[in-house]
C-alpha cells in the first residue's frame, strides 16, 4: 500500500516528486511499481511545464512508453487502485 501511496503523491505534485524521488530504493519495490516510477520520471522530463499528472494521463503515457509490455492486467489493476485511492497530500507525505 505504501508504494501505491507514493505513486499517488508523485503524480499529484511534481514538486513532491522532485523532492522525494531520490529517496526511493527501487530494490525494495516490485518491477511493476518501478516501471511506473520510470514512466512518471519520463513524463515530467518530457513535459517540464506540467506540475501534476492525472491518473488517466499516467495510464496513457505508460501504454505509450510500453506498447508491448507483458502482464498488462497487472498494470491495469494498479492503475485502477491508483484511481480509487483517496488520500490527502499531507497524509501521503507523512507516509
C-alpha atoms as a PDB file:
ATOM      1  CA  UNK A   1       0.000   0.000   0.000  1.00  0.00           C
ATOM      2  CA  UNK A   2       2.882   2.367   0.765  1.00  0.00           C
ATOM      3  CA  UNK A   3       4.211   2.125  -2.785  1.00  0.00           C
ATOM      4  CA  UNK A   4       0.770   2.968  -4.142  1.00  0.00           C
ATOM      5  CA  UNK A   5       0.544   5.994  -1.834  1.00  0.00           C
ATOM      6  CA  UNK A   6       3.945   7.164  -3.056  1.00  0.00           C
ATOM      7  CA  UNK A   7       2.840   6.856  -6.678  1.00  0.00           C
ATOM      8  CA  UNK A   8      -0.311   8.836  -5.920  1.00  0.00           C
ATOM      9  CA  UNK A   9       1.722  11.523  -4.216  1.00  0.00           C
ATOM     10  CA  UNK A  10       4.192  11.713  -7.095  1.00  0.00           C
ATOM     11  CA  UNK A  11       1.502  12.166  -9.714  1.00  0.00           C
ATOM     12  CA  UNK A  12      -0.394  14.720  -7.612  1.00  0.00           C
ATOM     13  CA  UNK A  13       2.530  17.089  -7.266  1.00  0.00           C
ATOM     14  CA  UNK A  14       5.696  17.397  -9.334  1.00  0.00           C
ATOM     15  CA  UNK A  15       7.494  19.305  -6.563  1.00  0.00           C
ATOM     16  CA  UNK A  16       6.941  16.427  -4.167  1.00  0.00           C
ATOM     17  CA  UNK A  17       8.175  14.025  -6.831  1.00  0.00           C
ATOM     18  CA  UNK A  18      11.311  16.125  -7.257  1.00  0.00           C
ATOM     19  CA  UNK A  19      11.837  16.323  -3.506  1.00  0.00           C
ATOM     20  CA  UNK A  20      11.403  12.627  -2.659  1.00  0.00           C
ATOM     21  CA  UNK A  21      12.144  10.626  -5.795  1.00  0.00           C
ATOM     22  CA  UNK A  22      15.830  10.231  -4.990  1.00  0.00           C
ATOM     23  CA  UNK A  23      14.937   8.537  -1.690  1.00  0.00           C
ATOM     24  CA  UNK A  24      13.111   5.655  -3.344  1.00  0.00           C
ATOM     25  CA  UNK A  25      15.040   2.411  -3.058  1.00  0.00           C
ATOM     26  CA  UNK A  26      13.988   0.628  -6.217  1.00  0.00           C
ATOM     27  CA  UNK A  27      15.388  -2.678  -4.989  1.00  0.00           C
ATOM     28  CA  UNK A  28      12.615  -2.791  -2.380  1.00  0.00           C
ATOM     29  CA  UNK A  29       9.685  -2.415  -4.775  1.00  0.00           C
ATOM     30  CA  UNK A  30       8.207  -4.646  -7.430  1.00  0.00           C
ATOM     31  CA  UNK A  31       9.220  -4.299 -11.056  1.00  0.00           C
ATOM     32  CA  UNK A  32       5.708  -3.047 -11.831  1.00  0.00           C
ATOM     33  CA  UNK A  33       5.969  -0.153  -9.391  1.00  0.00           C
ATOM     34  CA  UNK A  34       9.474   0.577 -10.615  1.00  0.00           C
ATOM     35  CA  UNK A  35       8.262   0.644 -14.234  1.00  0.00           C
ATOM     36  CA  UNK A  36       5.536   3.099 -13.306  1.00  0.00           C
ATOM     37  CA  UNK A  37       8.062   5.285 -11.466  1.00  0.00           C
ATOM     38  CA  UNK A  38      10.211   5.333 -14.593  1.00  0.00           C
ATOM     39  CA  UNK A  39       7.226   6.451 -16.650  1.00  0.00           C
ATOM     40  CA  UNK A  40       6.451   9.234 -14.163  1.00  0.00           C
ATOM     41  CA  UNK A  41      10.065  10.378 -14.426  1.00  0.00           C
ATOM     42  CA  UNK A  42       9.912  10.266 -18.211  1.00  0.00           C
ATOM     43  CA  UNK A  43       6.657  12.230 -18.245  1.00  0.00           C
ATOM     44  CA  UNK A  44       7.967  15.003 -16.007  1.00  0.00           C
ATOM     45  CA  UNK A  45      11.191  15.208 -18.022  1.00  0.00           C
ATOM     46  CA  UNK A  46       9.318  15.448 -21.299  1.00  0.00           C
ATOM     47  CA  UNK A  47       6.608  17.846 -20.130  1.00  0.00           C
ATOM     48  CA  UNK A  48       8.517  20.246 -17.926  1.00  0.00           C
ATOM     49  CA  UNK A  49       5.624  22.711 -17.796  1.00  0.00           C
ATOM     50  CA  UNK A  50       3.299  20.175 -16.118  1.00  0.00           C
ATOM     51  CA  UNK A  51       3.037  20.246 -12.336  1.00  0.00           C
ATOM     52  CA  UNK A  52       0.943  17.121 -11.893  1.00  0.00           C
ATOM     53  CA  UNK A  53      -0.049  14.027 -13.776  1.00  0.00           C
ATOM     54  CA  UNK A  54      -3.619  12.767 -13.777  1.00  0.00           C
ATOM     55  CA  UNK A  55      -4.299   9.063 -13.412  1.00  0.00           C
ATOM     56  CA  UNK A  56      -5.622   8.946 -16.959  1.00  0.00           C
ATOM     57  CA  UNK A  57      -2.536  10.704 -18.293  1.00  0.00           C
ATOM     58  CA  UNK A  58      -0.309   8.296 -16.384  1.00  0.00           C
ATOM     59  CA  UNK A  59      -2.154   5.306 -17.797  1.00  0.00           C
ATOM     60  CA  UNK A  60      -1.991   6.707 -21.345  1.00  0.00           C
ATOM     61  CA  UNK A  61       1.655   7.712 -21.113  1.00  0.00           C
ATOM     62  CA  UNK A  62       2.560   4.350 -19.620  1.00  0.00           C
ATOM     63  CA  UNK A  63       0.988   2.480 -22.533  1.00  0.00           C
ATOM     64  CA  UNK A  64       2.570   4.891 -24.995  1.00  0.00           C
ATOM     65  CA  UNK A  65       6.012   4.217 -23.497  1.00  0.00           C
ATOM     66  CA  UNK A  66       5.418   0.468 -23.148  1.00  0.00           C
ATOM     67  CA  UNK A  67       3.300  -0.683 -26.097  1.00  0.00           C
ATOM     68  CA  UNK A  68       4.457  -4.306 -25.888  1.00  0.00           C
ATOM     69  CA  UNK A  69       4.625  -4.738 -22.122  1.00  0.00           C
ATOM     70  CA  UNK A  70       3.590  -8.114 -20.760  1.00  0.00           C
ATOM     71  CA  UNK A  71       1.164  -8.559 -17.879  1.00  0.00           C
ATOM     72  CA  UNK A  72      -0.989  -5.603 -18.879  1.00  0.00           C
ATOM     73  CA  UNK A  73      -3.687  -6.758 -16.470  1.00  0.00           C
ATOM     74  CA  UNK A  74      -1.307  -6.268 -13.524  1.00  0.00           C
ATOM     75  CA  UNK A  75      -0.691  -2.685 -14.574  1.00  0.00           C
ATOM     76  CA  UNK A  76      -4.359  -2.042 -15.240  1.00  0.00           C
ATOM     77  CA  UNK A  77      -5.125  -3.284 -11.745  1.00  0.00           C
ATOM     78  CA  UNK A  78      -2.510  -0.932 -10.294  1.00  0.00           C
ATOM     79  CA  UNK A  79      -3.899   1.995 -12.288  1.00  0.00           C
ATOM     80  CA  UNK A  80      -7.412   1.152 -11.115  1.00  0.00           C
ATOM     81  CA  UNK A  81      -6.249   1.062  -7.494  1.00  0.00           C
ATOM     82  CA  UNK A  82      -4.441   4.357  -8.014  1.00  0.00           C
ATOM     83  CA  UNK A  83      -7.623   5.893  -9.436  1.00  0.00           C
ATOM     84  CA  UNK A  84      -9.652   4.933  -6.395  1.00  0.00           C
ATOM     85  CA  UNK A  85      -7.034   5.767  -3.770  1.00  0.00           C
ATOM     86  CA  UNK A  86      -8.304   8.790  -1.884  1.00  0.00           C
ATOM     87  CA  UNK A  87      -5.568  10.182   0.324  1.00  0.00           C
ATOM     88  CA  UNK A  88      -4.616  13.724   1.175  1.00  0.00           C
ATOM     89  CA  UNK A  89      -1.220  15.073   0.261  1.00  0.00           C
ATOM     90  CA  UNK A  90      -0.368  15.733   3.917  1.00  0.00           C
ATOM     91  CA  UNK A  91      -1.099  12.129   4.943  1.00  0.00           C
ATOM     92  CA  UNK A  92       0.723  10.763   1.900  1.00  0.00           C
ATOM     93  CA  UNK A  93       3.794  12.876   2.697  1.00  0.00           C
ATOM     94  CA  UNK A  94       3.791  11.600   6.253  1.00  0.00           C
ATOM     95  CA  UNK A  95       3.795   8.013   4.987  1.00  0.00           C
END
